[in-house]
C-alpha atoms as a PDB file:
ATOM      1  CA  GLU A   1     -53.762  26.859  -5.351  1.00  0.00           C
ATOM      2  CA  GLY A   2     -52.301  24.985  -2.469  1.00  0.00           C
ATOM      3  CA  GLY A   3     -48.671  24.857  -4.458  1.00  0.00           C
ATOM      4  CA  ARG A   4     -49.916  22.348  -7.173  1.00  0.00           C
ATOM      5  CA  PRO A   5     -48.998  23.156 -10.581  1.00  0.00           C
ATOM      6  CA  LEU A   6     -52.142  25.012 -12.936  1.00  0.00           C
ATOM      7  CA  ARG A   7     -54.091  22.499 -14.391  1.00  0.00           C
ATOM      8  CA  VAL A   8     -54.639  23.539 -18.119  1.00  0.00           C
ATOM      9  CA  GLY A   9     -56.880  21.140 -20.566  1.00  0.00           C
ATOM     10  CA  TYR A  10     -57.013  21.526 -24.337  1.00  0.00           C
ATOM     11  CA  LEU A  11     -60.288  20.604 -25.996  1.00  0.00           C
ATOM     12  CA  SER A  12     -60.437  19.898 -29.700  1.00  0.00           C
ATOM     13  CA  ARG A  13     -62.286  17.885 -32.319  1.00  0.00           C
ATOM     14  CA  ARG A  14     -59.361  18.222 -34.204  1.00  0.00           C
ATOM     15  CA  PHE A  15     -56.075  16.036 -32.413  1.00  0.00           C
ATOM     16  CA  HIS A  16     -55.482  14.616 -35.885  1.00  0.00           C
ATOM     17  CA  ASP A  17     -53.510  15.989 -38.690  1.00  0.00           C
ATOM     18  CA  TYR A  18     -55.428  18.841 -39.334  1.00  0.00           C
ATOM     19  CA  PRO A  19     -53.068  22.297 -39.974  1.00  0.00           C
ATOM     20  CA  GLY A  20     -54.525  24.106 -36.679  1.00  0.00           C
ATOM     21  CA  THR A  21     -52.991  21.198 -34.854  1.00  0.00           C
ATOM     22  CA  GLN A  22     -49.768  20.808 -37.096  1.00  0.00           C
ATOM     23  CA  LEU A  23     -49.354  24.484 -36.044  1.00  0.00           C
ATOM     24  CA  MET A  24     -49.984  23.686 -31.890  1.00  0.00           C
ATOM     25  CA  ARG A  25     -47.708  20.759 -32.348  1.00  0.00           C
ATOM     26  CA  ARG A  26     -44.936  22.070 -30.203  1.00  0.00           C
ATOM     27  CA  ILE A  27     -47.239  23.921 -27.556  1.00  0.00           C
ATOM     28  CA  PHE A  28     -48.092  20.372 -25.957  1.00  0.00           C
ATOM     29  CA  GLY A  29     -44.353  19.872 -24.867  1.00  0.00           C
ATOM     30  CA  ASN A  30     -43.386  22.684 -24.187  1.00  0.00           C
ATOM     31  CA  HIS A  31     -45.486  23.507 -21.000  1.00  0.00           C
ATOM     32  CA  ASP A  32     -43.058  23.163 -17.733  1.00  0.00           C
ATOM     33  CA  PRO A  33     -44.846  20.333 -15.585  1.00  0.00           C
ATOM     34  CA  LEU A  34     -43.594  22.032 -12.565  1.00  0.00           C
ATOM     35  CA  ILE A  35     -45.841  24.939 -13.612  1.00  0.00           C
ATOM     36  CA  VAL A  36     -48.542  23.297 -15.710  1.00  0.00           C
ATOM     37  CA  ASP A  37     -50.219  19.807 -15.712  1.00  0.00           C
ATOM     38  CA  LEU A  38     -51.153  19.385 -18.930  1.00  0.00           C
ATOM     39  CA  PHE A  39     -54.553  17.419 -20.071  1.00  0.00           C
ATOM     40  CA  CYS A  40     -55.699  17.009 -23.489  1.00  0.00           C
ATOM     41  CA  PHE A  41     -59.198  15.842 -24.417  1.00  0.00           C
ATOM     42  CA  ALA A  42     -60.014  14.433 -27.929  1.00  0.00           C
ATOM     43  CA  HIS A  43     -63.537  15.403 -28.311  1.00  0.00           C
ATOM     44  CA  GLY A  44     -63.360  14.303 -31.825  1.00  0.00           C
ATOM     45  CA  PRO A  45     -62.234  10.779 -33.964  1.00  0.00           C
ATOM     46  CA  ASP A  46     -58.981   9.263 -33.831  1.00  0.00           C
ATOM     47  CA  ASP A  47     -57.136   9.397 -36.973  1.00  0.00           C
ATOM     48  CA  PHE A  48     -54.345   7.250 -35.997  1.00  0.00           C
ATOM     49  CA  SER A  49     -51.881  10.238 -37.642  1.00  0.00           C
ATOM     50  CA  PRO A  50     -48.206  10.115 -36.375  1.00  0.00           C
ATOM     51  CA  LEU A  51     -49.279  13.784 -35.242  1.00  0.00           C
ATOM     52  CA  ARG A  52     -52.041  12.909 -32.858  1.00  0.00           C
ATOM     53  CA  ALA A  53     -49.381   9.881 -31.544  1.00  0.00           C
ATOM     54  CA  ALA A  54     -46.919  12.837 -31.120  1.00  0.00           C
ATOM     55  CA  ILE A  55     -49.442  14.921 -28.857  1.00  0.00           C
ATOM     56  CA  LYS A  56     -50.420  11.812 -26.686  1.00  0.00           C
ATOM     57  CA  ALA A  57     -46.542  11.940 -26.358  1.00  0.00           C
ATOM     58  CA  ASP A  58     -46.134  15.008 -25.342  1.00  0.00           C
ATOM     59  CA  CYS A  59     -49.183  15.176 -23.249  1.00  0.00           C
ATOM     60  CA  PRO A  60     -49.094  13.322 -19.961  1.00  0.00           C
ATOM     61  CA  HIS A  61     -53.148  13.371 -19.306  1.00  0.00           C
ATOM     62  CA  PHE A  62     -54.482  12.381 -22.741  1.00  0.00           C
ATOM     63  CA  HIS A  63     -58.056  11.518 -22.992  1.00  0.00           C
ATOM     64  CA  ASP A  64     -60.504  10.540 -25.911  1.00  0.00           C
ATOM     65  CA  ILE A  65     -63.713  11.704 -25.044  1.00  0.00           C
ATOM     66  CA  SER A  66     -65.311  11.000 -28.554  1.00  0.00           C
ATOM     67  CA  GLU A  67     -67.570   8.767 -27.614  1.00  0.00           C
ATOM     68  CA  LEU A  68     -69.224  10.817 -25.023  1.00  0.00           C
ATOM     69  CA  ASP A  69     -72.414  12.957 -25.214  1.00  0.00           C
ATOM     70  CA  PRO A  70     -71.456  16.700 -24.009  1.00  0.00           C
ATOM     71  CA  LEU A  71     -72.974  16.456 -20.647  1.00  0.00           C
ATOM     72  CA  SER A  72     -70.648  13.289 -20.037  1.00  0.00           C
ATOM     73  CA  ALA A  73     -67.683  14.915 -21.528  1.00  0.00           C
ATOM     74  CA  ALA A  74     -68.465  18.056 -19.805  1.00  0.00           C
ATOM     75  CA  SER A  75     -68.940  15.929 -16.082  1.00  0.00           C
ATOM     76  CA  PHE A  76     -65.578  14.419 -17.055  1.00  0.00           C
ATOM     77  CA  ILE A  77     -63.448  17.342 -17.610  1.00  0.00           C
ATOM     78  CA  ALA A  78     -64.995  19.026 -14.599  1.00  0.00           C
ATOM     79  CA  SER A  79     -63.755  16.023 -12.418  1.00  0.00           C
ATOM     80  CA  LEU A  80     -60.086  16.497 -13.237  1.00  0.00           C
ATOM     81  CA  HIS A  81     -60.501  20.268 -11.658  1.00  0.00           C
ATOM     82  CA  ILE A  82     -59.009  21.519 -14.566  1.00  0.00           C
ATOM     83  CA  ASP A  83     -58.154  25.117 -13.826  1.00  0.00           C
ATOM     84  CA  VAL A  84     -58.143  26.458 -17.429  1.00  0.00           C
ATOM     85  CA  LEU A  85     -59.768  24.986 -20.377  1.00  0.00           C
ATOM     86  CA  VAL A  86     -58.351  25.923 -23.767  1.00  0.00           C
ATOM     87  CA  THR A  87     -60.291  25.402 -27.324  1.00  0.00           C
ATOM     88  CA  TYR A  88     -58.857  25.783 -30.533  1.00  0.00           C
ATOM     89  CA  ASP A  89     -61.626  24.231 -32.741  1.00  0.00           C
ATOM     90  CA  GLY A  90     -63.366  27.942 -33.297  1.00  0.00           C
ATOM     91  CA  ALA A  91     -66.872  29.063 -34.122  1.00  0.00           C
ATOM     92  CA  HIS A  92     -68.088  26.488 -36.880  1.00  0.00           C
ATOM     93  CA  SER A  93     -69.823  23.242 -37.157  1.00  0.00           C
ATOM     94  CA  LEU A  94     -66.737  21.317 -35.600  1.00  0.00           C
ATOM     95  CA  ASN A  95     -66.677  22.786 -32.231  1.00  0.00           C
ATOM     96  CA  SER A  96     -66.964  21.479 -28.590  1.00  0.00           C
ATOM     97  CA  LEU A  97     -69.187  24.836 -27.525  1.00  0.00           C
ATOM     98  CA  ASP A  98     -71.920  22.639 -26.298  1.00  0.00           C
ATOM     99  CA  VAL A  99     -69.269  21.105 -24.022  1.00  0.00           C
ATOM    100  CA  LEU A 100     -67.981  24.645 -22.854  1.00  0.00           C
ATOM    101  CA  ALA A 101     -71.471  25.642 -22.480  1.00  0.00           C
ATOM    102  CA  MET A 102     -71.636  23.776 -19.065  1.00  0.00           C
ATOM    103  CA  ARG A 103     -68.875  25.676 -18.222  1.00  0.00           C
ATOM    104  CA  PRO A 104     -66.457  22.574 -16.987  1.00  0.00           C
ATOM    105  CA  ALA A 105     -63.821  24.728 -16.453  1.00  0.00           C
ATOM    106  CA  PRO A 106     -63.821  28.152 -14.200  1.00  0.00           C
ATOM    107  CA  VAL A 107     -61.787  30.004 -16.805  1.00  0.00           C
ATOM    108  CA  GLN A 108     -62.358  28.863 -20.813  1.00  0.00           C
ATOM    109  CA  ILE A 109     -60.095  30.114 -23.532  1.00  0.00           C
ATOM    110  CA  ALA A 110     -60.480  30.142 -27.447  1.00  0.00           C
ATOM    111  CA  TYR A 111     -57.765  30.074 -29.198  1.00  0.00           C
ATOM    112  CA  LEU A 112     -56.490  30.018 -33.027  1.00  0.00           C
ATOM    113  CA  GLY A 113     -59.478  27.830 -34.432  1.00  0.00           C
ATOM    114  CA  PHE A 114     -61.276  31.161 -35.147  1.00  0.00           C
ATOM    115  CA  ALA A 115     -59.729  34.889 -35.228  1.00  0.00           C
ATOM    116  CA  GLY A 116     -62.842  36.504 -34.105  1.00  0.00           C
ATOM    117  CA  THR A 117     -65.260  36.407 -31.074  1.00  0.00           C
ATOM    118  CA  THR A 118     -67.214  32.950 -31.223  1.00  0.00           C
ATOM    119  CA  GLY A 119     -70.581  35.189 -30.244  1.00  0.00           C
ATOM    120  CA  ALA A 120     -71.358  32.388 -27.579  1.00  0.00           C
ATOM    121  CA  MET A 121     -73.631  33.210 -25.022  1.00  0.00           C
ATOM    122  CA  ILE A 122     -76.099  31.294 -22.709  1.00  0.00           C
ATOM    123  CA  GLU A 123     -78.890  32.211 -20.510  1.00  0.00           C
ATOM    124  CA  THR A 124     -78.890  30.354 -17.026  1.00  0.00           C
ATOM    125  CA  GLU A 125     -81.229  29.950 -14.412  1.00  0.00           C
ATOM    126  CA  ALA A 126     -79.433  32.046 -12.106  1.00  0.00           C
ATOM    127  CA  SER A 127     -79.098  34.935 -14.066  1.00  0.00           C
ATOM    128  CA  SER A 128     -81.534  37.090 -16.653  1.00  0.00           C
ATOM    129  CA  VAL A 129     -78.286  38.231 -18.351  1.00  0.00           C
ATOM    130  CA  PRO A 130     -76.508  36.201 -20.425  1.00  0.00           C
ATOM    131  CA  GLU A 131     -73.334  34.755 -19.664  1.00  0.00           C
ATOM    132  CA  ARG A 132     -70.148  34.103 -21.762  1.00  0.00           C
ATOM    133  CA  ILE A 133     -69.284  30.833 -22.492  1.00  0.00           C
ATOM    134  CA  ILE A 134     -65.936  31.517 -23.351  1.00  0.00           C
ATOM    135  CA  ASP A 135     -64.263  34.194 -20.610  1.00  0.00           C
ATOM    136  CA  PHE A 136     -61.269  34.675 -23.135  1.00  0.00           C
ATOM    137  CA  VAL A 137     -59.905  35.279 -26.926  1.00  0.00           C
ATOM    138  CA  LEU A 138     -55.865  34.589 -27.097  1.00  0.00           C
ATOM    139  CA  THR A 139     -55.332  36.898 -29.715  1.00  0.00           C
ATOM    140  CA  ASP A 140     -52.571  39.606 -30.689  1.00  0.00           C
ATOM    141  CA  GLU A 141     -52.386  43.447 -31.486  1.00  0.00           C
ATOM    142  CA  ILE A 142     -52.609  42.910 -35.067  1.00  0.00           C
ATOM    143  CA  LEU A 143     -55.414  40.209 -35.465  1.00  0.00           C
ATOM    144  CA  THR A 144     -57.304  41.991 -32.829  1.00  0.00           C
ATOM    145  CA  PRO A 145     -56.495  45.377 -32.442  1.00  0.00           C
ATOM    146  CA  PRO A 146     -57.906  46.652 -29.287  1.00  0.00           C
ATOM    147  CA  GLN A 147     -58.644  50.065 -30.160  1.00  0.00           C
ATOM    148  CA  ALA A 148     -60.119  49.111 -33.315  1.00  0.00           C
ATOM    149  CA  PRO A 149     -64.040  49.542 -33.040  1.00  0.00           C
ATOM    150  CA  TRP A 150     -65.240  46.248 -33.714  1.00  0.00           C
ATOM    151  CA  SER A 151     -63.116  44.701 -31.098  1.00  0.00           C
ATOM    152  CA  GLN A 152     -65.684  45.836 -28.847  1.00  0.00           C
ATOM    153  CA  HIS A 153     -68.271  43.711 -29.756  1.00  0.00           C
ATOM    154  CA  PHE A 154     -66.111  40.278 -28.915  1.00  0.00           C
ATOM    155  CA  THR A 155     -68.780  38.384 -25.872  1.00  0.00           C
ATOM    156  CA  GLU A 156     -65.151  37.482 -24.664  1.00  0.00           C
ATOM    157  CA  ARG A 157     -62.312  39.490 -23.081  1.00  0.00           C
ATOM    158  CA  LEU A 158     -58.841  39.699 -25.132  1.00  0.00           C
ATOM    159  CA  LEU A 159     -55.597  38.145 -23.693  1.00  0.00           C
ATOM    160  CA  ILE A 160     -53.268  39.728 -26.244  1.00  0.00           C
ATOM    161  CA  LEU A 161     -50.403  38.121 -26.718  1.00  0.00           C
ATOM    162  CA  PRO A 162     -46.925  40.420 -26.567  1.00  0.00           C
ATOM    163  CA  GLN A 163     -45.558  38.785 -30.395  1.00  0.00           C
ATOM    164  CA  ARG A 164     -47.986  36.795 -32.567  1.00  0.00           C
ATOM    165  CA  TYR A 165     -50.726  34.617 -31.698  1.00  0.00           C
ATOM    166  CA  GLN A 166     -50.304  31.804 -34.234  1.00  0.00           C
ATOM    167  CA  PRO A 167     -47.681  29.460 -33.203  1.00  0.00           C
ATOM    168  CA  GLN A 168     -44.922  27.495 -35.675  1.00  0.00           C
ATOM    169  CA  ASP A 169     -43.476  24.144 -35.350  1.00  0.00           C
ATOM    170  CA  ASP A 170     -40.145  24.839 -35.961  1.00  0.00           C
ATOM    171  CA  GLN A 171     -38.980  21.454 -36.033  1.00  0.00           C
ATOM    172  CA  GLN A 172     -41.686  20.224 -38.881  1.00  0.00           C
ATOM    173  CA  GLU A 173     -40.084  18.620 -41.870  1.00  0.00           C
ATOM    174  CA  ILE A 174     -40.527  21.157 -45.026  1.00  0.00           C
ATOM    175  CA  THR A 175     -40.865  18.292 -48.024  1.00  0.00           C
END
């Protein structure tokens, strides 16, 4: 739209030394800045780890929103006109579904943190039918076979990757 790069944001409480973030490490630096304007929204505490520092270095717009309440966090994200917001926290107690429920971006995607549906729906004043909080789950055919009967029960639509959904840090030191 308007010739500008797509604004993609990653929202997580886990921008620290955490297994999912270790897997995601190279994703942040691999976005082409001519195509994607990258934002990271850290909704969890800073552990001052080298991993968090590396992600901050790879992300041109890294925002610590850990001190913001959900409404303020969602308002801040929306003010930046994010086109696609990706969460990789999953559906457990350390997620940001309370922020995502306020729809700070027109497209919201769940990835990596939980290999299933979030089941997250919300009722709005505008509609008597509950609406999705998350629009899509990024997955693959092994993890979520589209023909499997249970995959029809996802509240989100499936975005099936052509290879595998789990990223790897090919430059990580092995000790």
